[in-house]
Amino acid sequence: MCELSGLPVFITGLSGMLGASLASCCVHAGMGVSGVSYRSKLGIPGVSEDTADITAADYQPALIEAASGLIIHCAAATDVDWCERNEAAAFRLNVEVSGRLAAAAAKSGWRFVYISTDSVFDGCHGDRCESDVPNPVHVIP
């Protein structure tokens, strides 16, 4: 597993652009990384990968190996038009899975990093921060 400040790291969305970049950085730094992708494996030596449908209600990452660590949740439906056409599937991945992973992390003593999007804002202003009030123009469940 990739150790960052002494903590193992588990990445969701490992085969996506962000997940793959994170994995590559860990490997380049001489560390391993563990993670899950939906269909494709990266095939990078030193990477412990799994493929799974993390939207399945019974999916739980195998975090028993270490007492504590860090989950970086990169898996998401990012195509806003697709999300508009597939509300239920987008909600499952972007909301429900995030909640289940955060709960699993809390239960197992792991820290949880959630990667979000600026699509929760209307685009009228730039330089947003975490305390800004969202104002999405897309589907709101």
N, C-alpha and C. Protein backbone atom coordinates (compact mmCIF):
# COMPACT_ATOMS: atom_id res chain seq x y z
N MET A 1 0.84 -1.18 0.00
CA MET A 1 0.00 0.00 0.00
C MET A 1 0.88 1.24 0.00
N CYS A 2 0.36 2.28 -0.56
CA CYS A 2 1.07 3.55 -0.57
C CYS A 2 1.05 4.14 0.83
N GLU A 3 2.20 4.51 1.33
CA GLU A 3 2.24 5.11 2.66
C GLU A 3 2.56 6.58 2.53
N LEU A 4 1.67 7.40 3.00
CA LEU A 4 1.80 8.84 2.96
C LEU A 4 1.74 9.29 4.40
N SER A 5 2.82 9.87 4.92
CA SER A 5 2.90 10.24 6.33
C SER A 5 2.63 9.04 7.22
N GLY A 6 3.09 7.87 6.81
CA GLY A 6 2.94 6.67 7.61
C GLY A 6 1.60 5.98 7.48
N LEU A 7 0.69 6.50 6.68
CA LEU A 7 -0.62 5.89 6.54
C LEU A 7 -0.76 5.19 5.19
N PRO A 8 -1.33 3.98 5.18
CA PRO A 8 -1.62 3.34 3.89
C PRO A 8 -2.72 4.12 3.17
N VAL A 9 -2.69 4.11 1.85
CA VAL A 9 -3.67 4.86 1.06
C VAL A 9 -4.43 3.90 0.15
N PHE A 10 -5.75 4.05 0.17
CA PHE A 10 -6.65 3.29 -0.70
C PHE A 10 -7.35 4.29 -1.60
N ILE A 11 -7.27 4.09 -2.93
CA ILE A 11 -7.83 5.04 -3.89
C ILE A 11 -8.99 4.38 -4.64
N THR A 12 -10.15 5.05 -4.66
CA THR A 12 -11.24 4.61 -5.53
C THR A 12 -11.08 5.36 -6.85
N GLY A 13 -11.59 4.77 -7.92
CA GLY A 13 -11.44 5.42 -9.22
C GLY A 13 -10.01 5.33 -9.70
N LEU A 14 -9.36 4.22 -9.39
CA LEU A 14 -7.94 4.05 -9.66
C LEU A 14 -7.59 4.17 -11.14
N SER A 15 -8.50 3.79 -12.03
CA SER A 15 -8.19 3.85 -13.46
C SER A 15 -8.60 5.17 -14.10
N GLY A 16 -9.20 6.06 -13.32
CA GLY A 16 -9.55 7.38 -13.85
C GLY A 16 -8.34 8.29 -13.89
N MET A 17 -8.51 9.46 -14.47
CA MET A 17 -7.39 10.38 -14.64
C MET A 17 -6.76 10.77 -13.30
N LEU A 18 -7.57 11.16 -12.33
CA LEU A 18 -7.03 11.56 -11.04
C LEU A 18 -6.47 10.37 -10.27
N GLY A 19 -7.22 9.28 -10.21
CA GLY A 19 -6.76 8.09 -9.50
C GLY A 19 -5.46 7.56 -10.07
N ALA A 20 -5.37 7.51 -11.39
CA ALA A 20 -4.14 7.03 -12.04
C ALA A 20 -2.97 7.96 -11.75
N SER A 21 -3.22 9.26 -11.75
CA SER A 21 -2.15 10.22 -11.44
C SER A 21 -1.66 10.05 -10.01
N LEU A 22 -2.58 9.87 -9.08
CA LEU A 22 -2.19 9.65 -7.69
C LEU A 22 -1.38 8.36 -7.55
N ALA A 23 -1.84 7.30 -8.20
CA ALA A 23 -1.12 6.02 -8.15
C ALA A 23 0.27 6.18 -8.73
N SER A 24 0.37 6.86 -9.86
CA SER A 24 1.67 7.07 -10.50
C SER A 24 2.62 7.86 -9.61
N CYS A 25 2.11 8.86 -8.93
CA CYS A 25 2.95 9.64 -8.01
C CYS A 25 3.48 8.76 -6.89
N CYS A 26 2.62 7.91 -6.34
CA CYS A 26 3.06 7.01 -5.26
C CYS A 26 4.11 6.03 -5.76
N VAL A 27 3.88 5.43 -6.93
CA VAL A 27 4.84 4.49 -7.49
C VAL A 27 6.15 5.19 -7.80
N HIS A 28 6.09 6.37 -8.39
CA HIS A 28 7.30 7.13 -8.71
C HIS A 28 8.10 7.47 -7.45
N ALA A 29 7.40 7.66 -6.35
CA ALA A 29 8.07 7.96 -5.07
C ALA A 29 8.55 6.70 -4.37
N GLY A 30 8.40 5.56 -5.04
CA GLY A 30 8.87 4.32 -4.46
C GLY A 30 7.88 3.65 -3.52
N MET A 31 6.64 4.07 -3.58
CA MET A 31 5.61 3.50 -2.71
C MET A 31 4.63 2.69 -3.54
N GLY A 32 3.93 1.82 -2.87
CA GLY A 32 2.85 1.09 -3.53
C GLY A 32 1.54 1.78 -3.26
N VAL A 33 0.52 1.38 -3.95
CA VAL A 33 -0.82 1.95 -3.75
C VAL A 33 -1.83 0.83 -3.89
N SER A 34 -2.90 0.92 -3.15
CA SER A 34 -3.99 -0.03 -3.24
C SER A 34 -5.23 0.72 -3.68
N GLY A 35 -6.05 0.07 -4.48
CA GLY A 35 -7.26 0.76 -4.90
C GLY A 35 -8.17 -0.09 -5.73
N VAL A 36 -9.25 0.55 -6.17
CA VAL A 36 -10.28 -0.14 -6.93
C VAL A 36 -10.69 0.72 -8.11
N SER A 37 -10.95 0.04 -9.22
CA SER A 37 -11.51 0.70 -10.39
C SER A 37 -12.71 -0.12 -10.85
N TYR A 38 -13.51 0.46 -11.70
CA TYR A 38 -14.74 -0.19 -12.12
C TYR A 38 -14.50 -1.35 -13.08
N ARG A 39 -13.77 -1.10 -14.17
CA ARG A 39 -13.58 -2.14 -15.17
C ARG A 39 -12.13 -2.41 -15.54
N SER A 40 -11.29 -1.39 -15.49
CA SER A 40 -9.94 -1.50 -16.02
C SER A 40 -8.89 -1.47 -14.93
N LYS A 41 -7.86 -2.28 -15.11
CA LYS A 41 -6.72 -2.22 -14.22
C LYS A 41 -5.61 -1.44 -14.91
N LEU A 42 -4.82 -0.73 -14.11
CA LEU A 42 -3.74 0.07 -14.67
C LEU A 42 -2.59 -0.78 -15.16
N GLY A 43 -2.27 -1.83 -14.44
CA GLY A 43 -1.15 -2.68 -14.82
C GLY A 43 0.20 -2.08 -14.46
N ILE A 44 0.25 -1.17 -13.51
CA ILE A 44 1.52 -0.59 -13.08
C ILE A 44 2.13 -1.49 -12.02
N PRO A 45 3.38 -1.92 -12.20
CA PRO A 45 4.02 -2.76 -11.19
C PRO A 45 4.01 -2.09 -9.82
N GLY A 46 3.74 -2.88 -8.79
CA GLY A 46 3.71 -2.37 -7.43
C GLY A 46 2.37 -1.84 -6.99
N VAL A 47 1.39 -1.85 -7.89
CA VAL A 47 0.05 -1.37 -7.55
C VAL A 47 -0.85 -2.57 -7.26
N SER A 48 -1.46 -2.58 -6.10
CA SER A 48 -2.40 -3.62 -5.72
C SER A 48 -3.79 -3.15 -6.13
N GLU A 49 -4.33 -3.78 -7.18
CA GLU A 49 -5.59 -3.31 -7.76
C GLU A 49 -6.69 -4.34 -7.65
N ASP A 50 -7.89 -3.83 -7.63
CA ASP A 50 -9.07 -4.67 -7.70
C ASP A 50 -10.06 -3.98 -8.62
N THR A 51 -10.92 -4.74 -9.25
CA THR A 51 -12.02 -4.16 -10.01
C THR A 51 -13.30 -4.56 -9.30
N ALA A 52 -14.22 -3.62 -9.18
CA ALA A 52 -15.48 -3.88 -8.50
C ALA A 52 -16.48 -2.79 -8.85
N ASP A 53 -17.74 -3.12 -8.70
CA ASP A 53 -18.80 -2.13 -8.83
C ASP A 53 -19.04 -1.56 -7.44
N ILE A 54 -18.47 -0.41 -7.16
CA ILE A 54 -18.57 0.17 -5.82
C ILE A 54 -19.96 0.73 -5.54
N THR A 55 -20.84 0.74 -6.56
CA THR A 55 -22.22 1.16 -6.32
C THR A 55 -23.07 0.02 -5.76
N ALA A 56 -22.54 -1.20 -5.77
CA ALA A 56 -23.28 -2.33 -5.20
C ALA A 56 -23.47 -2.08 -3.71
N ALA A 57 -24.67 -2.31 -3.23
CA ALA A 57 -25.00 -1.99 -1.83
C ALA A 57 -24.12 -2.71 -0.84
N ASP A 58 -23.59 -3.88 -1.21
CA ASP A 58 -22.77 -4.64 -0.28
C ASP A 58 -21.27 -4.39 -0.44
N TYR A 59 -20.88 -3.45 -1.32
CA TYR A 59 -19.44 -3.20 -1.50
C TYR A 59 -18.85 -2.51 -0.27
N GLN A 60 -17.78 -3.06 0.23
CA GLN A 60 -17.00 -2.44 1.30
C GLN A 60 -15.54 -2.67 0.96
N PRO A 61 -14.71 -1.63 1.01
CA PRO A 61 -13.28 -1.84 0.75
C PRO A 61 -12.67 -2.70 1.85
N ALA A 62 -11.71 -3.52 1.49
CA ALA A 62 -11.02 -4.37 2.47
C ALA A 62 -9.99 -3.54 3.21
N LEU A 63 -10.39 -2.99 4.33
CA LEU A 63 -9.51 -2.11 5.10
C LEU A 63 -9.01 -2.77 6.38
N ILE A 64 -9.21 -4.07 6.48
CA ILE A 64 -8.87 -4.78 7.71
C ILE A 64 -7.35 -4.92 7.88
N GLU A 65 -6.58 -4.83 6.80
CA GLU A 65 -5.14 -5.05 6.83
C GLU A 65 -4.42 -4.09 7.77
N ALA A 66 -4.86 -2.87 7.85
CA ALA A 66 -4.18 -1.86 8.66
C ALA A 66 -5.19 -1.22 9.62
N ALA A 67 -4.71 -0.85 10.79
CA ALA A 67 -5.59 -0.27 11.80
C ALA A 67 -6.08 1.12 11.39
N SER A 68 -5.28 1.85 10.64
CA SER A 68 -5.71 3.17 10.18
C SER A 68 -5.05 3.46 8.85
N GLY A 69 -5.62 4.39 8.13
CA GLY A 69 -5.10 4.75 6.83
C GLY A 69 -5.89 5.89 6.24
N LEU A 70 -5.79 6.02 4.94
CA LEU A 70 -6.40 7.13 4.23
C LEU A 70 -7.11 6.61 2.99
N ILE A 71 -8.40 6.90 2.86
CA ILE A 71 -9.13 6.61 1.63
C ILE A 71 -9.21 7.91 0.84
N ILE A 72 -8.80 7.86 -0.42
CA ILE A 72 -8.98 9.01 -1.31
C ILE A 72 -10.03 8.58 -2.33
N HIS A 73 -11.19 9.18 -2.23
CA HIS A 73 -12.34 8.78 -3.05
C HIS A 73 -12.38 9.63 -4.33
N CYS A 74 -11.84 9.05 -5.41
CA CYS A 74 -11.79 9.74 -6.70
C CYS A 74 -12.88 9.27 -7.66
N ALA A 75 -13.50 8.14 -7.38
CA ALA A 75 -14.51 7.60 -8.28
C ALA A 75 -15.74 8.50 -8.29
N ALA A 76 -16.18 8.85 -9.49
CA ALA A 76 -17.36 9.71 -9.61
C ALA A 76 -17.85 9.71 -11.05
N ALA A 77 -19.11 10.04 -11.20
CA ALA A 77 -19.66 10.32 -12.53
C ALA A 77 -19.45 11.81 -12.74
N THR A 78 -18.60 12.17 -13.67
CA THR A 78 -18.21 13.57 -13.85
C THR A 78 -18.82 14.24 -15.07
N ASP A 79 -19.38 13.47 -15.97
CA ASP A 79 -20.00 14.04 -17.17
C ASP A 79 -21.37 14.60 -16.77
N VAL A 80 -21.47 15.91 -16.66
CA VAL A 80 -22.69 16.55 -16.17
C VAL A 80 -23.90 16.18 -17.03
N ASP A 81 -23.73 16.14 -18.35
CA ASP A 81 -24.85 15.77 -19.23
C ASP A 81 -25.31 14.34 -18.96
N TRP A 82 -24.36 13.40 -18.78
CA TRP A 82 -24.70 12.02 -18.47
C TRP A 82 -25.45 11.97 -17.14
N CYS A 83 -24.96 12.70 -16.16
CA CYS A 83 -25.61 12.72 -14.84
C CYS A 83 -27.04 13.23 -14.94
N GLU A 84 -27.27 14.22 -15.79
CA GLU A 84 -28.63 14.75 -15.98
C GLU A 84 -29.54 13.68 -16.57
N ARG A 85 -29.02 12.87 -17.50
CA ARG A 85 -29.83 11.83 -18.14
C ARG A 85 -29.97 10.58 -17.27
N ASN A 86 -29.07 10.40 -16.32
CA ASN A 86 -29.02 9.18 -15.50
C ASN A 86 -28.98 9.55 -14.02
N GLU A 87 -30.01 10.25 -13.59
CA GLU A 87 -30.04 10.79 -12.22
C GLU A 87 -29.81 9.73 -11.14
N ALA A 88 -30.51 8.61 -11.24
CA ALA A 88 -30.41 7.59 -10.19
C ALA A 88 -29.01 7.01 -10.11
N ALA A 89 -28.43 6.68 -11.27
CA ALA A 89 -27.08 6.11 -11.28
C ALA A 89 -26.06 7.13 -10.78
N ALA A 90 -26.20 8.37 -11.19
CA ALA A 90 -25.27 9.42 -10.74
C ALA A 90 -25.40 9.63 -9.24
N PHE A 91 -26.63 9.62 -8.74
CA PHE A 91 -26.85 9.79 -7.29
C PHE A 91 -26.22 8.64 -6.52
N ARG A 92 -26.40 7.40 -7.03
CA ARG A 92 -25.81 6.24 -6.37
C ARG A 92 -24.30 6.40 -6.24
N LEU A 93 -23.63 6.75 -7.33
CA LEU A 93 -22.17 6.84 -7.30
C LEU A 93 -21.68 8.09 -6.58
N ASN A 94 -22.25 9.22 -6.89
CA ASN A 94 -21.72 10.47 -6.36
C ASN A 94 -22.16 10.79 -4.93
N VAL A 95 -23.27 10.22 -4.50
CA VAL A 95 -23.77 10.55 -3.16
C VAL A 95 -23.76 9.32 -2.25
N GLU A 96 -24.49 8.27 -2.65
CA GLU A 96 -24.63 7.12 -1.76
C GLU A 96 -23.30 6.41 -1.51
N VAL A 97 -22.51 6.17 -2.55
CA VAL A 97 -21.22 5.51 -2.38
C VAL A 97 -20.31 6.36 -1.49
N SER A 98 -20.32 7.65 -1.72
CA SER A 98 -19.48 8.54 -0.91
C SER A 98 -19.85 8.42 0.57
N GLY A 99 -21.14 8.38 0.85
CA GLY A 99 -21.59 8.25 2.23
C GLY A 99 -21.20 6.92 2.84
N ARG A 100 -21.37 5.83 2.07
CA ARG A 100 -20.99 4.50 2.58
C ARG A 100 -19.49 4.41 2.84
N LEU A 101 -18.68 4.96 1.93
CA LEU A 101 -17.22 4.91 2.12
C LEU A 101 -16.79 5.76 3.31
N ALA A 102 -17.42 6.91 3.48
CA ALA A 102 -17.10 7.76 4.63
C ALA A 102 -17.46 7.04 5.92
N ALA A 103 -18.59 6.35 5.94
CA ALA A 103 -19.00 5.60 7.14
C ALA A 103 -18.05 4.44 7.40
N ALA A 104 -17.64 3.74 6.34
CA ALA A 104 -16.68 2.63 6.50
C ALA A 104 -15.35 3.14 7.03
N ALA A 105 -14.93 4.29 6.52
CA ALA A 105 -13.67 4.88 7.00
C ALA A 105 -13.77 5.23 8.47
N ALA A 106 -14.86 5.86 8.87
CA ALA A 106 -15.04 6.25 10.27
C ALA A 106 -15.07 5.02 11.17
N LYS A 107 -15.75 3.98 10.72
CA LYS A 107 -15.88 2.76 11.51
C LYS A 107 -14.54 2.06 11.69
N SER A 108 -13.69 2.11 10.65
CA SER A 108 -12.42 1.40 10.71
C SER A 108 -11.25 2.28 11.16
N GLY A 109 -11.53 3.54 11.48
CA GLY A 109 -10.47 4.43 11.95
C GLY A 109 -9.63 5.04 10.83
N TRP A 110 -10.12 4.97 9.62
CA TRP A 110 -9.41 5.53 8.49
C TRP A 110 -9.86 6.97 8.25
N ARG A 111 -8.99 7.78 7.70
CA ARG A 111 -9.36 9.13 7.28
C ARG A 111 -9.93 9.06 5.88
N PHE A 112 -10.78 10.03 5.55
CA PHE A 112 -11.49 10.00 4.27
C PHE A 112 -11.31 11.33 3.55
N VAL A 113 -10.83 11.27 2.32
CA VAL A 113 -10.70 12.46 1.49
C VAL A 113 -11.66 12.31 0.32
N TYR A 114 -12.54 13.27 0.19
CA TYR A 114 -13.55 13.24 -0.87
C TYR A 114 -13.18 14.28 -1.92
N ILE A 115 -13.06 13.85 -3.15
CA ILE A 115 -12.75 14.74 -4.26
C ILE A 115 -14.08 15.18 -4.86
N SER A 116 -14.30 16.48 -4.94
CA SER A 116 -15.57 16.99 -5.42
C SER A 116 -15.39 17.72 -6.75
N THR A 117 -16.38 18.47 -7.11
CA THR A 117 -16.42 19.19 -8.38
C THR A 117 -16.92 20.61 -8.15
N ASP A 118 -16.61 21.49 -9.09
CA ASP A 118 -17.15 22.85 -8.98
C ASP A 118 -18.54 22.94 -9.63
N SER A 119 -19.08 21.82 -10.07
CA SER A 119 -20.40 21.82 -10.71
C SER A 119 -21.53 22.06 -9.72
N VAL A 120 -21.23 22.26 -8.46
CA VAL A 120 -22.26 22.60 -7.49
C VAL A 120 -22.48 24.11 -7.45
N PHE A 121 -21.76 24.85 -8.29
CA PHE A 121 -21.92 26.30 -8.36
C PHE A 121 -22.50 26.68 -9.72
N ASP A 122 -23.08 27.86 -9.81
CA ASP A 122 -23.76 28.29 -11.03
C ASP A 122 -22.82 28.86 -12.10
N GLY A 123 -21.56 29.04 -11.79
CA GLY A 123 -20.59 29.53 -12.76
C GLY A 123 -20.53 31.04 -12.88
N CYS A 124 -21.28 31.76 -12.06
CA CYS A 124 -21.30 33.22 -12.14
C CYS A 124 -20.08 33.87 -11.49
N HIS A 125 -19.42 33.16 -10.59
CA HIS A 125 -18.25 33.70 -9.89
C HIS A 125 -17.16 32.64 -9.86
N GLY A 126 -15.90 33.07 -9.82
CA GLY A 126 -14.78 32.15 -9.73
C GLY A 126 -14.18 32.14 -8.34
N ASP A 127 -13.03 31.49 -8.20
CA ASP A 127 -12.29 31.44 -6.95
C ASP A 127 -13.17 31.02 -5.78
N ARG A 128 -13.81 29.88 -5.90
CA ARG A 128 -14.69 29.36 -4.86
C ARG A 128 -13.89 28.70 -3.74
N CYS A 129 -14.49 28.59 -2.57
CA CYS A 129 -13.87 27.88 -1.45
C CYS A 129 -14.92 27.04 -0.75
N GLU A 130 -14.48 26.21 0.21
CA GLU A 130 -15.37 25.26 0.87
C GLU A 130 -16.55 25.91 1.58
N SER A 131 -16.41 27.14 2.02
CA SER A 131 -17.48 27.79 2.77
C SER A 131 -18.52 28.47 1.88
N ASP A 132 -18.29 28.53 0.57
CA ASP A 132 -19.26 29.14 -0.34
C ASP A 132 -20.53 28.30 -0.41
N VAL A 133 -21.65 28.97 -0.52
CA VAL A 133 -22.95 28.29 -0.60
C VAL A 133 -23.13 27.75 -2.02
N PRO A 134 -23.40 26.45 -2.16
CA PRO A 134 -23.62 25.88 -3.49
C PRO A 134 -24.87 26.45 -4.14
N ASN A 135 -24.86 26.54 -5.45
CA ASN A 135 -26.01 26.97 -6.20
C ASN A 135 -26.01 26.26 -7.56
N PRO A 136 -26.24 24.93 -7.53
CA PRO A 136 -26.16 24.18 -8.80
C PRO A 136 -27.30 24.53 -9.75
N VAL A 137 -27.00 24.47 -11.03
CA VAL A 137 -28.03 24.70 -12.04
C VAL A 137 -28.50 23.40 -12.65
N HIS A 138 -27.97 22.30 -12.17
CA HIS A 138 -28.31 20.98 -12.67
C HIS A 138 -29.30 20.30 -11.74
N VAL A 139 -29.58 19.04 -11.99
CA VAL A 139 -30.54 18.29 -11.19
C VAL A 139 -30.13 18.30 -9.73
N ILE A 140 -31.10 18.56 -8.88
CA ILE A 140 -30.87 18.51 -7.43
C ILE A 140 -31.80 17.42 -6.89
N PRO A 141 -31.22 16.37 -6.30
CA PRO A 141 -32.07 15.26 -5.83
C PRO A 141 -32.97 15.67 -4.69
